[in-house]
Amino acid sequence: MSIDALAARTQGSHGEQHSLGLALRMGIHHAVSDRWGSPPVLVLDDVLAGLDPRRKAAVFEQLLVHLPTRQVLVTSPEALPDSPRITRVLRVFAGTITDVTPEG
């Protein structure tokens, strides 16, 4: 894989490598969805780790735009960027799950 004709693995920043890997996974998700006629459950564990705040917001919004409207679970040890596309927010702490979805 390359970014501007340079090897992504050796020349890309951590954020660029992370974004490229995520784009590849999203492509696979779309291919599976097309093949089987419905999207599989998608689990994105700490998908924004290591990204600067600007890239986090941009990547997260693009994920939400291009993902199906159901069957997506995103985990994060920190708050995710705000988006009107988020339908449910659950907090897990000390073995307790709490619905903290903002009203609106």
C-alpha atoms as a PDB file:
ATOM      1  CA  MET A   1       0.000   0.000   0.000  1.00  0.00           C
ATOM      2  CA  SER A   2       1.190   3.477  -0.716  1.00  0.00           C
ATOM      3  CA  ILE A   3       0.415   7.071   0.100  1.00  0.00           C
ATOM      4  CA  ASP A   4       1.482   9.555  -2.581  1.00  0.00           C
ATOM      5  CA  ALA A   5       3.627   6.796  -4.212  1.00  0.00           C
ATOM      6  CA  LEU A   6       5.497   6.147  -0.935  1.00  0.00           C
ATOM      7  CA  ALA A   7       5.311   2.911   1.036  1.00  0.00           C
ATOM      8  CA  ALA A   8       2.710   3.536   3.747  1.00  0.00           C
ATOM      9  CA  ARG A   9       4.361   1.166   6.206  1.00  0.00           C
ATOM     10  CA  THR A  10       7.667   3.016   6.247  1.00  0.00           C
ATOM     11  CA  GLN A  11       6.753   6.524   5.090  1.00  0.00           C
ATOM     12  CA  GLY A  12       3.255   7.143   6.468  1.00  0.00           C
ATOM     13  CA  SER A  13       2.620   8.719   9.845  1.00  0.00           C
ATOM     14  CA  HIS A  14       0.931   6.621  12.519  1.00  0.00           C
ATOM     15  CA  GLY A  15      -2.357   8.388  11.781  1.00  0.00           C
ATOM     16  CA  GLU A  16      -2.024   7.780   8.038  1.00  0.00           C
ATOM     17  CA  GLN A  17      -1.230   4.083   8.566  1.00  0.00           C
ATOM     18  CA  HIS A  18      -4.137   3.742  10.978  1.00  0.00           C
ATOM     19  CA  SER A  19      -6.528   5.486   8.582  1.00  0.00           C
ATOM     20  CA  LEU A  20      -5.378   3.321   5.670  1.00  0.00           C
ATOM     21  CA  GLY A  21      -5.898   0.126   7.678  1.00  0.00           C
ATOM     22  CA  LEU A  22      -9.356   1.301   8.667  1.00  0.00           C
ATOM     23  CA  ALA A  23     -10.210   2.107   5.048  1.00  0.00           C
ATOM     24  CA  LEU A  24      -9.177  -1.421   4.049  1.00  0.00           C
ATOM     25  CA  ARG A  25     -11.374  -2.946   6.775  1.00  0.00           C
ATOM     26  CA  MET A  26     -14.306  -0.800   5.665  1.00  0.00           C
ATOM     27  CA  GLY A  27     -13.803  -1.979   2.082  1.00  0.00           C
ATOM     28  CA  ILE A  28     -13.953  -5.586   3.250  1.00  0.00           C
ATOM     29  CA  HIS A  29     -17.105  -4.814   5.248  1.00  0.00           C
ATOM     30  CA  HIS A  30     -18.782  -3.370   2.141  1.00  0.00           C
ATOM     31  CA  ALA A  31     -17.684  -6.358   0.021  1.00  0.00           C
ATOM     32  CA  VAL A  32     -19.161  -8.808   2.547  1.00  0.00           C
ATOM     33  CA  SER A  33     -22.350  -6.733   2.753  1.00  0.00           C
ATOM     34  CA  ASP A  34     -22.714  -6.757  -1.039  1.00  0.00           C
ATOM     35  CA  ARG A  35     -21.985 -10.478  -1.270  1.00  0.00           C
ATOM     36  CA  TRP A  36     -24.483 -11.582   1.383  1.00  0.00           C
ATOM     37  CA  GLY A  37     -27.108  -8.871   0.935  1.00  0.00           C
ATOM     38  CA  SER A  38     -26.931  -7.507   4.473  1.00  0.00           C
ATOM     39  CA  PRO A  39     -24.204  -5.961   6.575  1.00  0.00           C
ATOM     40  CA  PRO A  40     -22.477  -8.155   9.153  1.00  0.00           C
ATOM     41  CA  VAL A  41     -22.113  -6.989  12.738  1.00  0.00           C
ATOM     42  CA  LEU A  42     -19.155  -4.625  12.778  1.00  0.00           C
ATOM     43  CA  VAL A  43     -17.064  -4.232  15.935  1.00  0.00           C
ATOM     44  CA  LEU A  44     -14.563  -1.371  15.958  1.00  0.00           C
ATOM     45  CA  ASP A  45     -12.475  -1.649  19.114  1.00  0.00           C
ATOM     46  CA  ASP A  46     -10.679   1.561  20.083  1.00  0.00           C
ATOM     47  CA  VAL A  47     -10.791   2.585  16.431  1.00  0.00           C
ATOM     48  CA  LEU A  48      -9.594   6.140  17.102  1.00  0.00           C
ATOM     49  CA  ALA A  49      -6.570   5.233  19.249  1.00  0.00           C
ATOM     50  CA  GLY A  50      -3.472   7.277  18.593  1.00  0.00           C
ATOM     51  CA  LEU A  51      -5.130   9.836  16.343  1.00  0.00           C
ATOM     52  CA  ASP A  52      -4.942  13.572  16.987  1.00  0.00           C
ATOM     53  CA  PRO A  53      -8.265  15.283  17.849  1.00  0.00           C
ATOM     54  CA  ARG A  54      -8.775  16.707  14.334  1.00  0.00           C
ATOM     55  CA  ARG A  55      -8.188  13.357  12.639  1.00  0.00           C
ATOM     56  CA  LYS A  56     -10.346  11.569  15.255  1.00  0.00           C
ATOM     57  CA  ALA A  57     -13.332  13.767  14.450  1.00  0.00           C
ATOM     58  CA  ALA A  58     -12.834  13.473  10.680  1.00  0.00           C
ATOM     59  CA  VAL A  59     -12.306   9.695  10.681  1.00  0.00           C
ATOM     60  CA  PHE A  60     -15.211   9.074  13.055  1.00  0.00           C
ATOM     61  CA  GLU A  61     -17.625  11.171  11.003  1.00  0.00           C
ATOM     62  CA  GLN A  62     -16.592   9.382   7.799  1.00  0.00           C
ATOM     63  CA  LEU A  63     -17.111   6.028   9.506  1.00  0.00           C
ATOM     64  CA  LEU A  64     -20.605   7.005  10.547  1.00  0.00           C
ATOM     65  CA  VAL A  65     -21.464   8.311   7.073  1.00  0.00           C
ATOM     66  CA  HIS A  66     -20.332   5.127   5.327  1.00  0.00           C
ATOM     67  CA  LEU A  67     -21.508   2.515   7.809  1.00  0.00           C
ATOM     68  CA  PRO A  68     -24.918   0.888   7.846  1.00  0.00           C
ATOM     69  CA  THR A  69     -27.382   2.328  10.317  1.00  0.00           C
ATOM     70  CA  ARG A  70     -27.471  -0.821  12.427  1.00  0.00           C
ATOM     71  CA  GLN A  71     -25.218  -3.557  13.812  1.00  0.00           C
ATOM     72  CA  VAL A  72     -22.182  -1.383  14.572  1.00  0.00           C
ATOM     73  CA  LEU A  73     -20.409  -1.416  17.935  1.00  0.00           C
ATOM     74  CA  VAL A  74     -17.643   1.109  18.584  1.00  0.00           C
ATOM     75  CA  THR A  75     -15.602   0.846  21.772  1.00  0.00           C
ATOM     76  CA  SER A  76     -13.351   3.539  23.186  1.00  0.00           C
ATOM     77  CA  PRO A  77     -11.636   4.201  26.521  1.00  0.00           C
ATOM     78  CA  GLU A  78     -12.417   7.894  26.042  1.00  0.00           C
ATOM     79  CA  ALA A  79     -15.390   9.919  24.852  1.00  0.00           C
ATOM     80  CA  LEU A  80     -16.071   9.691  21.126  1.00  0.00           C
ATOM     81  CA  PRO A  81     -16.552  12.824  19.017  1.00  0.00           C
ATOM     82  CA  ASP A  82     -20.125  14.124  19.011  1.00  0.00           C
ATOM     83  CA  SER A  83     -22.292  13.196  16.053  1.00  0.00           C
ATOM     84  CA  PRO A  84     -26.029  13.286  15.349  1.00  0.00           C
ATOM     85  CA  ARG A  85     -25.606   9.819  13.786  1.00  0.00           C
ATOM     86  CA  ILE A  86     -24.895   8.157  17.145  1.00  0.00           C
ATOM     87  CA  THR A  87     -28.051   6.402  18.307  1.00  0.00           C
ATOM     88  CA  ARG A  88     -26.930   4.904  21.600  1.00  0.00           C
ATOM     89  CA  VAL A  89     -24.072   5.423  24.061  1.00  0.00           C
ATOM     90  CA  LEU A  90     -23.385   2.873  26.773  1.00  0.00           C
ATOM     91  CA  ARG A  91     -20.783   3.272  29.510  1.00  0.00           C
ATOM     92  CA  VAL A  92     -19.209   0.182  31.049  1.00  0.00           C
ATOM     93  CA  PHE A  93     -17.574   0.748  34.421  1.00  0.00           C
ATOM     94  CA  ALA A  94     -16.796  -1.721  37.187  1.00  0.00           C
ATOM     95  CA  GLY A  95     -19.014  -4.366  35.614  1.00  0.00           C
ATOM     96  CA  THR A  96     -22.022  -2.067  35.280  1.00  0.00           C
ATOM     97  CA  ILE A  97     -23.516  -0.951  31.959  1.00  0.00           C
ATOM     98  CA  THR A  98     -25.227   2.453  31.977  1.00  0.00           C
ATOM     99  CA  ASP A  99     -27.093   4.096  29.115  1.00  0.00           C
ATOM    100  CA  VAL A 100     -25.618   7.593  28.774  1.00  0.00           C
ATOM    101  CA  THR A 101     -27.126   8.432  25.395  1.00  0.00           C
ATOM    102  CA  PRO A 102     -27.613  12.198  25.129  1.00  0.00           C
ATOM    103  CA  GLU A 103     -31.251  13.222  24.775  1.00  0.00           C
ATOM    104  CA  GLY A 104     -32.259  15.041  21.676  1.00  0.00           C
END
